[in-house]
Amino acid sequence: MALNCLLISINTVKTPYVVHPLGMAHIAGALKQDGHHVKQYDVLVEDGIEGLPPVFEKHKPDVIGISIRNIDTVDSADPQFFLKTALETINQIKKFSAVPIILGGGAFTLFPELILEELGADYGITGEGEQTVCNLVNQIEQGCAPTKGTIFQGTAALTNKWLPVSYDERITGYYRRRGGMLNVQTKRGCPFKCDYCSYPTLEGNKFRYRDPKEVVDEIERLKKDYGCKYLFFTDSVFNDHKERYLEICEELIRRENKTPWCAYFRPSYLNIDAMSIMKRSGLHAMEFGTDASSDATLKGMHKAFQMEDVYQTHQLVRDFDVPSAHFIIFGGPEETPDTLHEGLDNLKRLEGAAIFGFSGIRILPNAPIQKRAINEGLIQKEDDLLEPVFYFSSKIERSYMENEIKEAWSLEPTKIFPVSNSLNSIDDMHKAGLIGPLWDKLL
């Protein structure tokens, strides 16, 4: 007997633009392939949690899955904390349903025990949940549900054959109307050790690749069935050092793709041939995780490249007339007044790029910055870090640093600090019908 499964995405973050809940679509596809009935509900698309009662009445779920993508904004200039919303959602559900509630998603994976206890849900799944959620739902279906309060480690895909993805037209339509962007993942994991980053915790510390033909099959389905106008590849880093990403691009070229796309890039491992292939495949814009603006602070972040690599990459991208954005974190390890001013000068060399500046690093469990913050006495080993805590270099005063950035960028519309200031304009442009990430319109 198949179960009725209700999946709920409770993400309300719009920084710097709304993002389709791809993780929920992956879970939905896995459950459907396993024979279950699935309804997807996105609080951004629907009437918030207030719209849930009629959904319960109509679909009568036997089990509920809640995706918790964000714990907070990870932005010290706008440190919103979202667990209250998650708790309100679960309390609302419990008013008219007693079925098992399963938690998952990126934020849950970082704080599984704390969030499960805080929200009072029945089960949790960390990491990649497609196969594990099917196993758990099948146990519930067979009447042999595990002990409540159990947290399961998701099983990582070991081959390039991924489970199917199930999209919901009502949900995709919302994101299509707000920028036209739908997202696709071509690989999981990340081998890099950036100080702030949680990707290795979420997906593992090695790249695991998806078959290029399967990726492009999915892209063509998004275009044909869901009206996708713009693609975003959600990989932690698109341009892997083995250049497997070029296989995706070559397959897009073979199928004469005309849909523009963007992705997250590392400002290295790029050359003329790679740029040429990507441009022919539909590359429209590039977002760089540069993360620091001087060699000293790049080293402090454990980045395996230097500013000279950034400059060379930037010039290469400009030669191909591709808009680019760099995301910079000020106040990280080794930041001083000297590195700040050096960094602000260095960023002037990235002429023609959009630059988004952040202040401080959100300290996440198991990210390298946590150990550093403990060693520097900024936090204690036992601190749970559930509510936003930020690392700031002790070698520079925060208020001084932020004032210097604001003054330096006050007359430069392509440099945004703090990033939260740009949200309304991006939302307005999407509502006006413009597509893509839209920071390129700054240029």
Protein backbone atom coordinates (compact mmCIF):
# COMPACT_ATOMS: atom_id res chain seq x y z
CA MET A 1 0.00 0.00 0.00
CA ALA A 2 1.43 3.36 -1.02
CA LEU A 3 1.50 6.18 1.51
CA ASN A 4 0.48 9.80 0.96
CA CYS A 5 3.58 11.92 1.57
CA LEU A 6 3.42 15.69 2.06
CA LEU A 7 6.75 17.47 1.56
CA ILE A 8 7.04 21.04 2.84
CA SER A 9 9.77 23.56 2.04
CA ILE A 10 9.79 26.23 4.75
CA ASN A 11 12.57 28.39 3.28
CA THR A 12 11.66 32.09 3.14
CA VAL A 13 15.12 33.49 2.24
CA LYS A 14 15.23 35.67 -0.87
CA THR A 15 18.92 36.68 -0.66
CA PRO A 16 20.10 37.59 -3.23
CA TYR A 17 17.18 36.06 -5.19
CA VAL A 18 14.57 33.34 -4.69
CA VAL A 19 15.83 29.77 -5.20
CA HIS A 20 13.68 26.85 -6.30
CA PRO A 21 13.64 24.08 -3.61
CA LEU A 22 15.57 21.50 -5.64
CA GLY A 23 16.26 19.25 -2.65
CA MET A 24 12.53 18.74 -2.08
CA ALA A 25 12.07 17.89 -5.77
CA HIS A 26 14.80 15.23 -5.49
CA ILE A 27 13.12 13.67 -2.44
CA ALA A 28 9.74 13.76 -4.20
CA GLY A 29 11.16 11.96 -7.21
CA ALA A 30 12.67 9.22 -5.05
CA LEU A 31 9.41 8.65 -3.15
CA LYS A 32 7.36 8.57 -6.34
CA GLN A 33 9.68 6.03 -7.92
CA ASP A 34 9.23 3.94 -4.79
CA GLY A 35 5.48 3.91 -5.39
CA HIS A 36 4.26 6.58 -2.96
CA HIS A 37 1.94 9.53 -3.60
CA VAL A 38 3.63 12.91 -3.11
CA LYS A 39 2.37 16.45 -2.68
CA GLN A 40 4.93 19.30 -2.54
CA TYR A 41 4.19 22.51 -0.64
CA ASP A 42 6.42 25.60 -0.69
CA VAL A 43 5.59 28.33 1.84
CA LEU A 44 6.98 31.01 -0.51
CA VAL A 45 4.64 29.89 -3.27
CA GLU A 46 1.51 29.24 -1.22
CA ASP A 47 -0.12 31.17 1.59
CA GLY A 48 2.61 30.49 4.13
CA ILE A 49 1.78 27.99 6.85
CA GLU A 50 -1.76 29.37 6.94
CA GLY A 51 -2.46 27.56 3.66
CA LEU A 52 -1.69 24.11 5.09
CA PRO A 53 -5.11 23.07 6.55
CA PRO A 54 -6.88 22.72 3.16
CA VAL A 55 -3.86 20.80 1.83
CA PHE A 56 -4.20 18.33 4.69
CA GLU A 57 -7.92 18.07 4.11
CA LYS A 58 -7.48 17.29 0.42
CA HIS A 59 -4.38 15.06 0.45
CA LYS A 60 -4.69 13.40 3.88
CA PRO A 61 -0.96 12.72 4.34
CA ASP A 62 0.30 9.61 6.13
CA VAL A 63 3.77 11.08 6.60
CA ILE A 64 5.21 14.61 6.40
CA GLY A 65 8.70 15.65 5.35
CA ILE A 66 9.96 19.14 6.16
CA SER A 67 12.95 20.61 4.35
CA ILE A 68 14.96 23.08 6.44
CA ARG A 69 17.36 24.71 3.99
CA ASN A 70 18.40 27.75 6.02
CA ILE A 71 18.93 28.21 9.75
CA ASP A 72 19.60 31.95 9.30
CA THR A 73 20.73 34.48 6.69
CA VAL A 74 24.49 33.91 7.40
CA ASP A 75 24.77 37.70 6.98
CA SER A 76 25.89 39.69 10.04
CA ALA A 77 24.21 42.80 8.58
CA ASP A 78 20.82 41.04 8.60
CA PRO A 79 21.11 38.10 11.05
CA GLN A 80 17.61 36.64 10.83
CA PHE A 81 17.00 33.33 12.65
CA PHE A 82 14.46 30.99 11.07
CA LEU A 83 13.87 28.18 13.56
CA LYS A 84 10.94 30.08 15.02
CA THR A 85 9.16 29.79 11.68
CA ALA A 86 9.93 26.07 11.55
CA LEU A 87 8.54 25.60 15.05
CA GLU A 88 5.37 27.51 14.14
CA THR A 89 4.96 25.29 11.09
CA ILE A 90 5.24 22.07 13.11
CA ASN A 91 2.97 23.35 15.87
CA GLN A 92 0.39 24.25 13.24
CA ILE A 93 0.66 20.78 11.71
CA LYS A 94 0.22 19.08 15.07
CA LYS A 95 -3.10 20.88 15.57
CA PHE A 96 -4.76 18.82 12.87
CA SER A 97 -2.42 15.87 12.27
CA ALA A 98 -0.61 13.23 14.30
CA VAL A 99 1.27 11.56 11.44
CA PRO A 100 5.07 11.13 11.63
CA ILE A 101 7.14 14.22 10.81
CA ILE A 102 10.58 13.76 9.18
CA LEU A 103 13.11 16.61 9.06
CA GLY A 104 15.86 17.04 6.48
CA GLY A 105 17.72 19.65 4.43
CA GLY A 106 21.00 21.52 4.61
CA ALA A 107 20.36 23.40 7.85
CA PHE A 108 19.07 20.28 9.59
CA THR A 109 22.20 18.36 8.56
CA LEU A 110 24.37 20.90 10.37
CA PHE A 111 22.41 20.80 13.66
CA PRO A 112 20.44 17.53 13.61
CA GLU A 113 20.12 16.71 17.31
CA LEU A 114 19.48 20.30 18.35
CA ILE A 115 16.87 20.98 15.68
CA LEU A 116 15.05 17.67 16.14
CA GLU A 117 14.75 18.34 19.87
CA GLU A 118 13.88 22.02 19.42
CA LEU A 119 11.10 21.31 16.92
CA GLY A 120 9.76 18.12 18.46
CA ALA A 121 9.66 16.16 15.19
CA ASP A 122 9.70 12.37 15.00
CA TYR A 123 12.66 11.59 12.75
CA GLY A 124 15.54 13.28 10.98
CA ILE A 125 17.72 12.51 7.95
CA THR A 126 21.11 14.16 7.46
CA GLY A 127 22.93 14.55 4.16
CA GLU A 128 21.54 13.06 0.96
CA GLY A 129 18.13 11.70 1.82
CA GLU A 130 16.67 10.16 -1.36
CA GLN A 131 17.27 6.50 -0.55
CA THR A 132 17.09 6.86 3.22
CA VAL A 133 13.70 8.59 3.21
CA CYS A 134 12.30 5.79 1.05
CA ASN A 135 13.59 3.20 3.52
CA LEU A 136 12.07 5.10 6.45
CA VAL A 137 8.69 5.65 4.78
CA ASN A 138 8.55 1.97 3.83
CA GLN A 139 9.17 1.01 7.47
CA ILE A 140 6.35 3.32 8.55
CA GLU A 141 4.10 1.81 5.87
CA GLN A 142 4.84 -1.72 7.07
CA GLY A 143 4.00 -0.85 10.66
CA CYS A 144 7.54 -1.25 11.95
CA ALA A 145 8.50 2.40 12.37
CA PRO A 146 11.81 3.03 14.17
CA THR A 147 11.94 4.55 17.64
CA LYS A 148 10.85 8.18 17.55
CA GLY A 149 13.71 10.63 17.88
CA THR A 150 15.99 8.59 15.60
CA ILE A 151 18.29 10.47 13.23
CA PHE A 152 19.44 8.65 10.10
CA GLN A 153 22.57 9.36 8.07
CA GLY A 154 21.63 9.76 4.42
CA THR A 155 23.23 7.39 1.94
CA ALA A 156 25.42 9.12 -0.62
CA ALA A 157 24.98 8.18 -4.28
CA LEU A 158 27.84 5.87 -5.25
CA THR A 159 27.25 5.92 -9.02
CA ASN A 160 26.54 8.59 -11.58
CA LYS A 161 22.95 7.33 -11.96
CA TRP A 162 20.84 9.58 -9.75
CA LEU A 163 17.25 9.01 -8.74
CA PRO A 164 14.67 10.94 -10.80
CA VAL A 165 13.64 14.48 -9.88
CA SER A 166 9.96 15.39 -9.59
CA TYR A 167 8.96 18.99 -10.24
CA ASP A 168 5.68 20.64 -9.30
CA GLU A 169 4.21 22.99 -11.91
CA ARG A 170 2.72 25.35 -9.32
CA ILE A 171 6.09 25.68 -7.58
CA THR A 172 8.24 25.98 -10.71
CA GLY A 173 5.78 28.57 -12.07
CA TYR A 174 6.38 30.82 -9.07
CA TYR A 175 10.16 30.82 -9.61
CA ARG A 176 9.78 31.09 -13.37
CA ARG A 177 7.79 34.30 -12.88
CA ARG A 178 10.47 35.68 -10.53
CA GLY A 179 13.55 35.56 -12.67
CA GLY A 180 12.78 32.50 -14.77
CA MET A 181 15.53 30.53 -13.05
CA LEU A 182 15.27 26.82 -12.32
CA ASN A 183 18.21 24.88 -10.95
CA VAL A 184 20.08 21.68 -11.72
CA GLN A 185 22.85 19.86 -9.88
CA THR A 186 25.58 18.11 -11.90
CA LYS A 187 27.71 16.81 -9.03
CA ARG A 188 27.83 16.63 -5.26
CA GLY A 189 30.57 17.10 -2.70
CA CYS A 190 33.53 19.47 -2.43
CA PRO A 191 37.22 18.61 -1.90
CA PHE A 192 38.25 22.12 -0.85
CA LYS A 193 38.76 23.22 2.75
CA CYS A 194 37.64 26.83 2.84
CA ASP A 195 37.49 28.06 6.43
CA TYR A 196 33.82 28.99 6.50
CA CYS A 197 32.31 26.26 4.34
CA SER A 198 29.87 23.49 5.27
CA TYR A 199 29.66 21.76 1.85
CA PRO A 200 32.02 18.88 2.84
CA THR A 201 29.78 18.24 5.86
CA LEU A 202 26.63 18.33 3.74
CA GLU A 203 27.76 16.38 0.68
CA GLY A 204 31.14 14.83 1.42
CA ASN A 205 34.69 15.90 0.59
CA LYS A 206 34.94 14.40 -2.90
CA PHE A 207 33.22 15.34 -6.13
CA ARG A 208 30.70 12.72 -7.28
CA TYR A 209 29.59 13.35 -10.83
CA ARG A 210 26.29 12.90 -12.60
CA ASP A 211 26.13 11.53 -16.14
CA PRO A 212 26.26 14.50 -18.58
CA LYS A 213 23.51 13.11 -20.83
CA GLU A 214 21.24 12.65 -17.82
CA VAL A 215 21.93 16.24 -16.75
CA VAL A 216 21.02 17.65 -20.15
CA ASP A 217 17.96 15.38 -20.38
CA GLU A 218 16.75 17.03 -17.20
CA ILE A 219 17.53 20.50 -18.56
CA GLU A 220 15.51 19.80 -21.69
CA ARG A 221 12.61 18.57 -19.52
CA LEU A 222 12.75 21.79 -17.49
CA LYS A 223 12.57 23.84 -20.68
CA LYS A 224 9.88 21.79 -22.43
CA ASP A 225 7.57 20.94 -19.53
CA TYR A 226 8.15 23.83 -17.10
CA GLY A 227 9.02 26.80 -19.29
CA CYS A 228 12.50 27.30 -17.82
CA LYS A 229 14.00 30.54 -19.18
CA TYR A 230 17.29 30.52 -17.26
CA LEU A 231 19.39 27.75 -15.69
CA PHE A 232 21.47 27.83 -12.54
CA PHE A 233 23.87 24.98 -11.76
CA THR A 234 23.86 24.58 -7.98
CA ASP A 235 27.15 22.63 -7.66
CA SER A 236 29.43 23.84 -4.85
CA VAL A 237 31.97 24.60 -7.61
CA PHE A 238 31.10 24.14 -11.28
CA ASN A 239 34.62 24.24 -12.76
CA ASP A 240 36.18 21.18 -11.14
CA HIS A 241 39.91 20.64 -11.74
CA LYS A 242 39.27 17.43 -13.77
CA GLU A 243 37.22 19.53 -16.20
CA ARG A 244 34.27 17.16 -16.05
CA TYR A 245 32.06 20.24 -16.22
CA LEU A 246 33.09 20.67 -19.85
CA GLU A 247 31.37 17.36 -20.66
CA ILE A 248 28.11 18.98 -19.55
CA CYS A 249 28.82 21.97 -21.77
CA GLU A 250 29.73 19.83 -24.76
CA GLU A 251 26.46 17.92 -24.40
CA LEU A 252 24.57 21.23 -24.27
CA ILE A 253 26.33 22.29 -27.48
CA ARG A 254 25.45 18.99 -29.20
CA ARG A 255 21.80 19.62 -28.38
CA GLU A 256 21.99 23.24 -29.53
CA ASN A 257 21.03 24.70 -26.15
CA LYS A 258 19.89 28.32 -26.30
CA THR A 259 18.86 28.73 -22.65
CA PRO A 260 21.27 31.02 -20.74
CA TRP A 261 22.90 29.66 -17.61
CA CYS A 262 24.96 30.67 -14.60
CA ALA A 263 26.88 28.77 -11.90
CA TYR A 264 29.25 29.10 -8.94
CA PHE A 265 32.89 29.18 -10.02
CA ARG A 266 36.34 29.09 -8.48
CA PRO A 267 38.53 31.91 -9.88
CA SER A 268 41.12 29.45 -11.19
CA TYR A 269 41.26 26.33 -13.41
CA LEU A 270 39.93 28.34 -16.37
CA ASN A 271 41.50 28.91 -19.78
CA ILE A 272 40.55 30.14 -23.24
CA ASP A 273 39.37 26.74 -24.48
CA ALA A 274 37.15 26.20 -21.42
CA MET A 275 35.62 29.67 -21.72
CA SER A 276 34.98 29.14 -25.41
CA ILE A 277 33.17 25.85 -24.79
CA MET A 278 31.10 27.31 -21.96
CA LYS A 279 30.13 30.40 -23.96
CA ARG A 280 28.98 28.25 -26.88
CA SER A 281 26.92 26.11 -24.50
CA GLY A 282 24.92 29.09 -23.22
CA LEU A 283 27.04 30.55 -20.41
CA HIS A 284 25.52 33.92 -19.56
CA ALA A 285 27.00 34.89 -16.18
CA MET A 286 29.48 33.64 -13.56
CA GLU A 287 29.44 33.90 -9.76
CA PHE A 288 32.87 33.59 -8.15
CA GLY A 289 33.51 32.42 -4.61
CA THR A 290 36.59 34.63 -4.32
CA ASP A 291 35.84 35.18 -0.61
CA ALA A 292 38.77 37.48 0.25
CA SER A 293 40.59 40.36 -1.39
CA SER A 294 44.27 40.04 -0.46
CA ASP A 295 46.80 37.21 -0.50
CA ALA A 296 47.04 37.31 3.29
CA THR A 297 43.29 36.92 3.83
CA LEU A 298 42.97 34.34 1.05
CA LYS A 299 45.58 32.29 2.87
CA GLY A 300 43.74 32.86 6.14
CA MET A 301 40.60 31.44 4.49
CA HIS A 302 42.56 28.40 3.26
CA LYS A 303 41.91 29.32 -0.36
CA ALA A 304 44.29 27.55 -2.74
CA PHE A 305 44.66 30.50 -5.11
CA GLN A 306 46.03 34.05 -4.94
CA MET A 307 44.87 37.43 -6.15
CA GLU A 308 46.92 37.09 -9.32
CA ASP A 309 44.78 34.07 -10.23
CA VAL A 310 41.68 36.19 -9.60
CA TYR A 311 42.95 38.99 -11.85
CA GLN A 312 43.86 36.59 -14.67
CA THR A 313 40.50 34.84 -14.45
CA HIS A 314 38.68 38.17 -14.40
CA GLN A 315 40.47 39.37 -17.52
CA LEU A 316 39.74 36.10 -19.31
CA VAL A 317 36.06 36.38 -18.47
CA ARG A 318 35.96 40.01 -19.66
CA ASP A 319 37.61 39.00 -22.93
CA PHE A 320 34.65 36.70 -23.53
CA ASP A 321 32.19 39.44 -22.57
CA VAL A 322 30.61 37.39 -19.78
CA PRO A 323 29.17 39.28 -16.77
CA SER A 324 30.69 38.18 -13.46
CA ALA A 325 30.17 38.71 -9.74
CA HIS A 326 32.62 38.20 -6.89
CA PHE A 327 31.51 37.47 -3.33
CA ILE A 328 33.91 38.83 -0.71
CA ILE A 329 33.96 38.28 3.06
CA PHE A 330 35.68 41.05 5.01
CA GLY A 331 36.85 40.55 8.58
CA GLY A 332 37.90 36.91 8.25
CA PRO A 333 41.16 35.35 9.48
CA GLU A 334 44.21 37.62 9.16
CA GLU A 335 42.16 40.71 8.30
CA THR A 336 43.88 43.89 9.52
CA PRO A 337 43.54 47.58 8.62
CA ASP A 338 46.38 47.07 6.13
CA THR A 339 44.79 44.02 4.43
CA LEU A 340 41.44 45.81 4.35
CA HIS A 341 42.80 48.79 2.43
CA GLU A 342 44.97 46.57 0.26
CA GLY A 343 41.88 44.49 -0.50
CA LEU A 344 39.74 47.49 -1.37
CA ASP A 345 42.47 48.64 -3.75
CA ASN A 346 42.78 45.13 -5.23
CA LEU A 347 39.07 44.96 -5.95
CA LYS A 348 39.35 48.07 -8.11
CA ARG A 349 41.19 45.86 -10.58
CA LEU A 350 38.03 43.80 -11.06
CA GLU A 351 36.58 46.51 -13.26
CA GLY A 352 33.28 45.59 -14.86
CA ALA A 353 32.36 42.97 -12.24
CA ALA A 354 29.68 43.13 -9.58
CA ILE A 355 31.09 42.71 -6.07
CA PHE A 356 29.03 41.68 -3.06
CA GLY A 357 30.62 42.35 0.31
CA PHE A 358 29.87 40.56 3.57
CA SER A 359 31.16 41.28 7.05
CA GLY A 360 32.29 38.43 9.27
CA ILE A 361 31.96 34.66 8.88
CA ARG A 362 28.99 32.70 10.21
CA ILE A 363 30.56 29.99 12.40
CA LEU A 364 29.05 26.61 11.53
CA PRO A 365 29.66 23.25 13.22
CA ASN A 366 32.55 21.24 11.74
CA ALA A 367 33.65 24.07 9.45
CA PRO A 368 37.36 24.87 9.95
CA ILE A 369 36.52 28.34 11.28
CA GLN A 370 34.91 26.75 14.35
CA LYS A 371 38.23 25.32 15.55
CA ARG A 372 39.99 28.61 14.90
CA ALA A 373 37.35 30.55 16.83
CA ILE A 374 37.72 28.15 19.78
CA ASN A 375 41.52 28.48 19.74
CA GLU A 376 41.21 32.27 19.69
CA GLY A 377 38.79 32.22 22.61
CA LEU A 378 35.91 33.71 20.60
CA ILE A 379 33.63 30.77 21.35
CA GLN A 380 33.68 27.76 23.66
CA LYS A 381 33.93 24.18 22.46
CA GLU A 382 30.52 23.42 23.96
CA ASP A 383 28.74 26.36 22.25
CA ASP A 384 26.00 24.91 20.05
CA LEU A 385 26.14 27.76 17.45
CA LEU A 386 22.48 27.26 16.61
CA GLU A 387 21.72 30.96 16.77
CA PRO A 388 23.95 33.06 14.47
CA VAL A 389 27.50 33.58 15.76
CA PHE A 390 30.05 35.35 13.56
CA TYR A 391 33.84 35.27 13.43
CA PHE A 392 35.57 38.64 13.20
CA SER A 393 39.31 39.06 13.12
CA SER A 394 40.61 40.46 16.40
CA LYS A 395 43.16 42.47 14.42
CA ILE A 396 40.64 45.02 13.14
CA GLU A 397 37.68 46.78 14.73
CA ARG A 398 34.42 45.77 13.10
CA SER A 399 32.77 49.22 13.05
CA TYR A 400 35.91 50.79 11.56
CA MET A 401 36.09 48.10 8.87
CA GLU A 402 32.45 48.42 7.88
CA ASN A 403 32.59 52.21 7.73
CA GLU A 404 35.67 52.05 5.51
CA ILE A 405 33.93 49.66 3.10
CA LYS A 406 30.79 51.80 2.94
CA GLU A 407 32.81 54.95 2.30
CA ALA A 408 34.99 53.30 -0.36
CA TRP A 409 31.97 51.90 -2.21
CA SER A 410 29.50 54.74 -1.68
CA LEU A 411 29.78 56.00 -5.26
CA GLU A 412 30.26 52.62 -6.94
CA PRO A 413 26.91 51.04 -7.90
CA THR A 414 28.53 47.74 -8.89
CA LYS A 415 29.84 47.18 -5.36
CA ILE A 416 27.17 46.21 -2.83
CA PHE A 417 27.60 46.41 0.95
CA PRO A 418 25.69 45.32 2.89
CA VAL A 419 24.08 42.85 0.50
CA SER A 420 20.69 43.03 2.21
CA ASN A 421 20.33 46.56 0.82
CA SER A 422 19.95 45.17 -2.72
CA LEU A 423 17.02 42.82 -2.10
CA ASN A 424 14.11 45.11 -2.90
CA SER A 425 15.54 46.27 -6.22
CA ILE A 426 16.19 42.67 -7.36
CA ASP A 427 12.67 41.61 -6.38
CA ASP A 428 11.18 44.59 -8.23
CA MET A 429 13.15 43.76 -11.40
CA HIS A 430 11.99 40.13 -11.31
CA LYS A 431 8.38 41.26 -10.93
CA ALA A 432 8.90 43.48 -13.96
CA GLY A 433 9.73 40.40 -16.02
CA LEU A 434 13.53 40.48 -16.14
CA ILE A 435 15.22 37.07 -15.91
CA GLY A 436 18.38 35.67 -14.34
CA PRO A 437 20.26 36.62 -11.16
CA LEU A 438 19.97 40.31 -12.21
CA TRP A 439 23.17 41.55 -10.62
CA ASP A 440 24.42 41.70 -14.23
CA LYS A 441 22.02 44.64 -14.71
CA LEU A 442 24.26 46.60 -12.32
CA LEU A 443 26.95 46.44 -15.00
